Amino acid sequence: MDDLTGAQWRTSTRSSSNGGACVEVADNLPGVVLVRDTNDRDGGTLTFSPAAWRRFVAHLTQG
């Protein structure tokens, strides 16, 4: 996905609050969830389908 116009980024609720390892998530675009490093916003973006993102988050929350 080349056009990220309209992506509304938010800091993940799982990110630490001390300025360390943080990610931002944009899940407002149809059919895609975007993830990027808060400390390197120009360093690239991971792209997930909404279903894959839900599975990933569910796996993380299981322990």
PDB file of N, CA and C in Angstrom:
ATOM      1  N   MET A   1       0.853  -1.174   0.000  1.00  0.00           N
ATOM      2  CA  MET A   1       0.000   0.000   0.000  1.00  0.00           C
ATOM      3  C   MET A   1       0.894   1.231   0.000  1.00  0.00           C
ATOM      4  N   ASP A   2       0.818   2.026  -1.035  1.00  0.00           N
ATOM      5  CA  ASP A   2       1.658   3.204  -1.156  1.00  0.00           C
ATOM      6  C   ASP A   2       1.006   4.450  -0.577  1.00  0.00           C
ATOM      7  N   ASP A   3      -0.302   4.541  -0.621  1.00  0.00           N
ATOM      8  CA  ASP A   3      -0.993   5.738  -0.190  1.00  0.00           C
ATOM      9  C   ASP A   3      -1.519   5.561   1.231  1.00  0.00           C
ATOM     10  N   LEU A   4      -0.836   6.198   2.166  1.00  0.00           N
ATOM     11  CA  LEU A   4      -1.251   6.130   3.568  1.00  0.00           C
ATOM     12  C   LEU A   4      -2.011   7.384   3.978  1.00  0.00           C
ATOM     13  N   THR A   5      -2.410   8.182   2.989  1.00  0.00           N
ATOM     14  CA  THR A   5      -3.152   9.401   3.256  1.00  0.00           C
ATOM     15  C   THR A   5      -4.417   9.054   4.031  1.00  0.00           C
ATOM     16  N   GLY A   6      -4.636   9.765   5.088  1.00  0.00           N
ATOM     17  CA  GLY A   6      -5.826   9.538   5.897  1.00  0.00           C
ATOM     18  C   GLY A   6      -5.601   8.599   7.061  1.00  0.00           C
ATOM     19  N   ALA A   7      -4.417   7.992   7.135  1.00  0.00           N
ATOM     20  CA  ALA A   7      -4.134   7.108   8.273  1.00  0.00           C
ATOM     21  C   ALA A   7      -4.134   7.935   9.558  1.00  0.00           C
ATOM     22  N   GLN A   8      -4.882   7.491  10.527  1.00  0.00           N
ATOM     23  CA  GLN A   8      -4.946   8.156  11.823  1.00  0.00           C
ATOM     24  C   GLN A   8      -4.173   7.294  12.818  1.00  0.00           C
ATOM     25  N   TRP A   9      -2.964   7.719  13.128  1.00  0.00           N
ATOM     26  CA  TRP A   9      -2.057   6.957  13.969  1.00  0.00           C
ATOM     27  C   TRP A   9      -2.358   7.181  15.436  1.00  0.00           C
ATOM     28  N   ARG A  10      -2.264   6.116  16.218  1.00  0.00           N
ATOM     29  CA  ARG A  10      -2.385   6.195  17.677  1.00  0.00           C
ATOM     30  C   ARG A  10      -1.319   5.297  18.282  1.00  0.00           C
ATOM     31  N   THR A  11      -0.853   5.663  19.447  1.00  0.00           N
ATOM     32  CA  THR A  11       0.136   4.837  20.133  1.00  0.00           C
ATOM     33  C   THR A  11      -0.558   3.605  20.673  1.00  0.00           C
ATOM     34  N   SER A  12       0.029   2.465  20.465  1.00  0.00           N
ATOM     35  CA  SER A  12      -0.535   1.210  20.941  1.00  0.00           C
ATOM     36  C   SER A  12      -0.692   1.237  22.449  1.00  0.00           C
ATOM     37  N   THR A  13      -1.764   0.670  22.938  1.00  0.00           N
ATOM     38  CA  THR A  13      -1.982   0.585  24.383  1.00  0.00           C
ATOM     39  C   THR A  13      -0.978  -0.344  25.037  1.00  0.00           C
ATOM     40  N   ARG A  14      -0.304  -1.173  24.258  1.00  0.00           N
ATOM     41  CA  ARG A  14       0.696  -2.106  24.790  1.00  0.00           C
ATOM     42  C   ARG A  14       2.102  -1.506  24.815  1.00  0.00           C
ATOM     43  N   SER A  15       2.263  -0.302  24.271  1.00  0.00           N
ATOM     44  CA  SER A  15       3.569   0.341  24.264  1.00  0.00           C
ATOM     45  C   SER A  15       3.901   0.856  25.653  1.00  0.00           C
ATOM     46  N   SER A  16       5.194   0.878  25.952  1.00  0.00           N
ATOM     47  CA  SER A  16       5.609   1.392  27.254  1.00  0.00           C
ATOM     48  C   SER A  16       5.481   2.905  27.265  1.00  0.00           C
ATOM     49  N   SER A  17       5.321   3.472  28.442  1.00  0.00           N
ATOM     50  CA  SER A  17       5.143   4.911  28.565  1.00  0.00           C
ATOM     51  C   SER A  17       6.446   5.635  28.873  1.00  0.00           C
ATOM     52  N   ASN A  18       7.576   4.924  28.879  1.00  0.00           N
ATOM     53  CA  ASN A  18       8.846   5.540  29.254  1.00  0.00           C
ATOM     54  C   ASN A  18       9.698   5.941  28.058  1.00  0.00           C
ATOM     55  N   GLY A  19       9.112   6.009  26.871  1.00  0.00           N
ATOM     56  CA  GLY A  19       9.870   6.418  25.693  1.00  0.00           C
ATOM     57  C   GLY A  19      10.674   5.299  25.058  1.00  0.00           C
ATOM     58  N   GLY A  20      10.459   4.083  25.477  1.00  0.00           N
ATOM     59  CA  GLY A  20      11.202   2.951  24.942  1.00  0.00           C
ATOM     60  C   GLY A  20      10.578   2.392  23.689  1.00  0.00           C
ATOM     61  N   ALA A  21      10.368   1.096  23.668  1.00  0.00           N
ATOM     62  CA  ALA A  21       9.849   0.400  22.493  1.00  0.00           C
ATOM     63  C   ALA A  21       8.366   0.709  22.315  1.00  0.00           C
ATOM     64  N   CYS A  22       8.068   1.591  21.372  1.00  0.00           N
ATOM     65  CA  CYS A  22       6.685   1.999  21.134  1.00  0.00           C
ATOM     66  C   CYS A  22       6.311   1.772  19.680  1.00  0.00           C
ATOM     67  N   VAL A  23       5.075   1.414  19.462  1.00  0.00           N
ATOM     68  CA  VAL A  23       4.554   1.314  18.106  1.00  0.00           C
ATOM     69  C   VAL A  23       3.282   2.133  17.997  1.00  0.00           C
ATOM     70  N   GLU A  24       3.007   2.560  16.776  1.00  0.00           N
ATOM     71  CA  GLU A  24       1.770   3.254  16.476  1.00  0.00           C
ATOM     72  C   GLU A  24       0.963   2.385  15.529  1.00  0.00           C
ATOM     73  N   VAL A  25      -0.350   2.457  15.669  1.00  0.00           N
ATOM     74  CA  VAL A  25      -1.260   1.658  14.871  1.00  0.00           C
ATOM     75  C   VAL A  25      -2.263   2.593  14.200  1.00  0.00           C
ATOM     76  N   ALA A  26      -2.545   2.339  12.940  1.00  0.00           N
ATOM     77  CA  ALA A  26      -3.618   3.036  12.218  1.00  0.00           C
ATOM     78  C   ALA A  26      -4.573   1.960  11.719  1.00  0.00           C
ATOM     79  N   ASP A  27      -5.777   1.965  12.254  1.00  0.00           N
ATOM     80  CA  ASP A  27      -6.755   0.948  11.858  1.00  0.00           C
ATOM     81  C   ASP A  27      -8.042   1.576  11.316  1.00  0.00           C
ATOM     82  N   ASN A  28      -7.915   2.797  10.813  1.00  0.00           N
ATOM     83  CA  ASN A  28      -9.095   3.499  10.309  1.00  0.00           C
ATOM     84  C   ASN A  28      -9.278   3.387   8.793  1.00  0.00           C
ATOM     85  N   LEU A  29      -8.312   2.816   8.092  1.00  0.00           N
ATOM     86  CA  LEU A  29      -8.434   2.673   6.639  1.00  0.00           C
ATOM     87  C   LEU A  29      -9.117   1.351   6.304  1.00  0.00           C
ATOM     88  N   PRO A  30      -9.951   1.318   5.285  1.00  0.00           N
ATOM     89  CA  PRO A  30     -10.668   0.091   4.953  1.00  0.00           C
ATOM     90  C   PRO A  30      -9.733  -1.036   4.517  1.00  0.00           C
ATOM     91  N   GLY A  31      -9.897  -2.187   5.141  1.00  0.00           N
ATOM     92  CA  GLY A  31      -9.199  -3.397   4.717  1.00  0.00           C
ATOM     93  C   GLY A  31      -7.746  -3.512   5.099  1.00  0.00           C
ATOM     94  N   VAL A  32      -7.227  -2.622   5.950  1.00  0.00           N
ATOM     95  CA  VAL A  32      -5.816  -2.660   6.284  1.00  0.00           C
ATOM     96  C   VAL A  32      -5.584  -2.094   7.684  1.00  0.00           C
ATOM     97  N   VAL A  33      -4.597  -2.679   8.369  1.00  0.00           N
ATOM     98  CA  VAL A  33      -4.113  -2.155   9.648  1.00  0.00           C
ATOM     99  C   VAL A  33      -2.629  -1.890   9.454  1.00  0.00           C
ATOM    100  N   LEU A  34      -2.204  -0.685   9.792  1.00  0.00           N
ATOM    101  CA  LEU A  34      -0.818  -0.269   9.612  1.00  0.00           C
ATOM    102  C   LEU A  34      -0.130  -0.166  10.967  1.00  0.00           C
ATOM    103  N   VAL A  35       1.147  -0.524  11.002  1.00  0.00           N
ATOM    104  CA  VAL A  35       1.931  -0.464  12.240  1.00  0.00           C
ATOM    105  C   VAL A  35       3.292   0.138  11.898  1.00  0.00           C
ATOM    106  N   ARG A  36       3.758   1.057  12.751  1.00  0.00           N
ATOM    107  CA  ARG A  36       5.078   1.656  12.549  1.00  0.00           C
ATOM    108  C   ARG A  36       5.746   1.917  13.893  1.00  0.00           C
ATOM    109  N   ASP A  37       7.042   2.098  13.851  1.00  0.00           N
ATOM    110  CA  ASP A  37       7.850   2.395  15.026  1.00  0.00           C
ATOM    111  C   ASP A  37       7.702   3.872  15.359  1.00  0.00           C
ATOM    112  N   THR A  38       7.274   4.180  16.566  1.00  0.00           N
ATOM    113  CA  THR A  38       7.090   5.563  16.985  1.00  0.00           C
ATOM    114  C   THR A  38       8.398   6.341  16.922  1.00  0.00           C
ATOM    115  N   ASN A  39       9.511   5.676  17.203  1.00  0.00           N
ATOM    116  CA  ASN A  39      10.806   6.354  17.216  1.00  0.00           C
ATOM    117  C   ASN A  39      11.437   6.484  15.835  1.00  0.00           C
ATOM    118  N   ASP A  40      10.861   5.844  14.815  1.00  0.00           N
ATOM    119  CA  ASP A  40      11.387   5.908  13.452  1.00  0.00           C
ATOM    120  C   ASP A  40      10.220   5.889  12.472  1.00  0.00           C
ATOM    121  N   ARG A  41       9.431   6.931  12.487  1.00  0.00           N
ATOM    122  CA  ARG A  41       8.196   6.974  11.697  1.00  0.00           C
ATOM    123  C   ARG A  41       8.433   6.875  10.196  1.00  0.00           C
ATOM    124  N   ASP A  42       9.619   7.261   9.739  1.00  0.00           N
ATOM    125  CA  ASP A  42       9.930   7.177   8.313  1.00  0.00           C
ATOM    126  C   ASP A  42      10.637   5.874   7.960  1.00  0.00           C
ATOM    127  N   GLY A  43      10.809   4.996   8.921  1.00  0.00           N
ATOM    128  CA  GLY A  43      11.575   3.780   8.726  1.00  0.00           C
ATOM    129  C   GLY A  43      10.819   2.631   8.096  1.00  0.00           C
ATOM    130  N   GLY A  44       9.557   2.807   7.784  1.00  0.00           N
ATOM    131  CA  GLY A  44       8.779   1.740   7.169  1.00  0.00           C
ATOM    132  C   GLY A  44       7.512   1.457   7.943  1.00  0.00           C
ATOM    133  N   THR A  45       6.593   0.791   7.277  1.00  0.00           N
ATOM    134  CA  THR A  45       5.292   0.478   7.848  1.00  0.00           C
ATOM    135  C   THR A  45       4.957  -0.978   7.572  1.00  0.00           C
ATOM    136  N   LEU A  46       4.517  -1.675   8.590  1.00  0.00           N
ATOM    137  CA  LEU A  46       4.012  -3.036   8.412  1.00  0.00           C
ATOM    138  C   LEU A  46       2.530  -2.946   8.079  1.00  0.00           C
ATOM    139  N   THR A  47       2.087  -3.817   7.189  1.00  0.00           N
ATOM    140  CA  THR A  47       0.696  -3.827   6.756  1.00  0.00           C
ATOM    141  C   THR A  47       0.083  -5.186   7.049  1.00  0.00           C
ATOM    142  N   PHE A  48      -1.061  -5.171   7.730  1.00  0.00           N
ATOM    143  CA  PHE A  48      -1.780  -6.392   8.083  1.00  0.00           C
ATOM    144  C   PHE A  48      -3.202  -6.307   7.557  1.00  0.00           C
ATOM    145  N   SER A  49      -3.785  -7.452   7.235  1.00  0.00           N
ATOM    146  CA  SER A  49      -5.228  -7.473   7.016  1.00  0.00           C
ATOM    147  C   SER A  49      -5.876  -7.365   8.398  1.00  0.00           C
ATOM    148  N   PRO A  50      -7.096  -6.854   8.491  1.00  0.00           N
ATOM    149  CA  PRO A  50      -7.741  -6.769   9.796  1.00  0.00           C
ATOM    150  C   PRO A  50      -7.830  -8.132  10.508  1.00  0.00           C
ATOM    151  N   ALA A  51      -8.082  -9.198   9.758  1.00  0.00           N
ATOM    152  CA  ALA A  51      -8.180 -10.531  10.370  1.00  0.00           C
ATOM    153  C   ALA A  51      -6.826 -10.975  10.927  1.00  0.00           C
ATOM    154  N   ALA A  52      -5.757 -10.742  10.171  1.00  0.00           N
ATOM    155  CA  ALA A  52      -4.422 -11.118  10.647  1.00  0.00           C
ATOM    156  C   ALA A  52      -4.050 -10.303  11.877  1.00  0.00           C
ATOM    157  N   TRP A  53      -4.404  -9.021  11.893  1.00  0.00           N
ATOM    158  CA  TRP A  53      -4.107  -8.171  13.048  1.00  0.00           C
ATOM    159  C   TRP A  53      -4.850  -8.679  14.287  1.00  0.00           C
ATOM    160  N   ARG A  54      -6.125  -9.044  14.136  1.00  0.00           N
ATOM    161  CA  ARG A  54      -6.904  -9.576  15.270  1.00  0.00           C
ATOM    162  C   ARG A  54      -6.269 -10.850  15.812  1.00  0.00           C
ATOM    163  N   ARG A  55      -5.817 -11.739  14.911  1.00  0.00           N
ATOM    164  CA  ARG A  55      -5.165 -12.971  15.350  1.00  0.00           C
ATOM    165  C   ARG A  55      -3.863 -12.667  16.082  1.00  0.00           C
ATOM    166  N   PHE A  56      -3.081 -11.730  15.572  1.00  0.00           N
ATOM    167  CA  PHE A  56      -1.826 -11.333  16.194  1.00  0.00           C
ATOM    168  C   PHE A  56      -2.072 -10.782  17.602  1.00  0.00           C
ATOM    169  N   VAL A  57      -3.003  -9.864  17.737  1.00  0.00           N
ATOM    170  CA  VAL A  57      -3.308  -9.275  19.037  1.00  0.00           C
ATOM    171  C   VAL A  57      -3.851 -10.338  20.001  1.00  0.00           C
ATOM    172  N   ALA A  58      -4.715 -11.223  19.505  1.00  0.00           N
ATOM    173  CA  ALA A  58      -5.257 -12.290  20.352  1.00  0.00           C
ATOM    174  C   ALA A  58      -4.141 -13.192  20.856  1.00  0.00           C
ATOM    175  N   HIS A  59      -3.190 -13.499  19.997  1.00  0.00           N
ATOM    176  CA  HIS A  59      -2.059 -14.342  20.399  1.00  0.00           C
ATOM    177  C   HIS A  59      -1.240 -13.665  21.484  1.00  0.00           C
ATOM    178  N   LEU A  60      -0.997 -12.365  21.341  1.00  0.00           N
ATOM    179  CA  LEU A  60      -0.236 -11.627  22.347  1.00  0.00           C
ATOM    180  C   LEU A  60      -0.942 -11.579  23.689  1.00  0.00           C
ATOM    181  N   THR A  61      -2.237 -11.423  23.672  1.00  0.00           N
ATOM    182  CA  THR A  61      -2.982 -11.297  24.922  1.00  0.00           C
ATOM    183  C   THR A  61      -3.175 -12.624  25.640  1.00  0.00           C
ATOM    184  N   GLN A  62      -2.913 -13.736  24.941  1.00  0.00           N
ATOM    185  CA  GLN A  62      -3.040 -15.054  25.561  1.00  0.00           C
ATOM    186  C   GLN A  62      -1.855 -15.400  26.443  1.00  0.00           C
ATOM    187  N   GLY A  63      -0.826 -14.599  26.402  1.00  0.00           N
ATOM    188  CA  GLY A  63       0.261 -14.841  27.332  1.00  0.00           C
ATOM    189  C   GLY A  63       1.570 -14.995  26.714  1.00  0.00           C
TER     190      GLY A  63
END
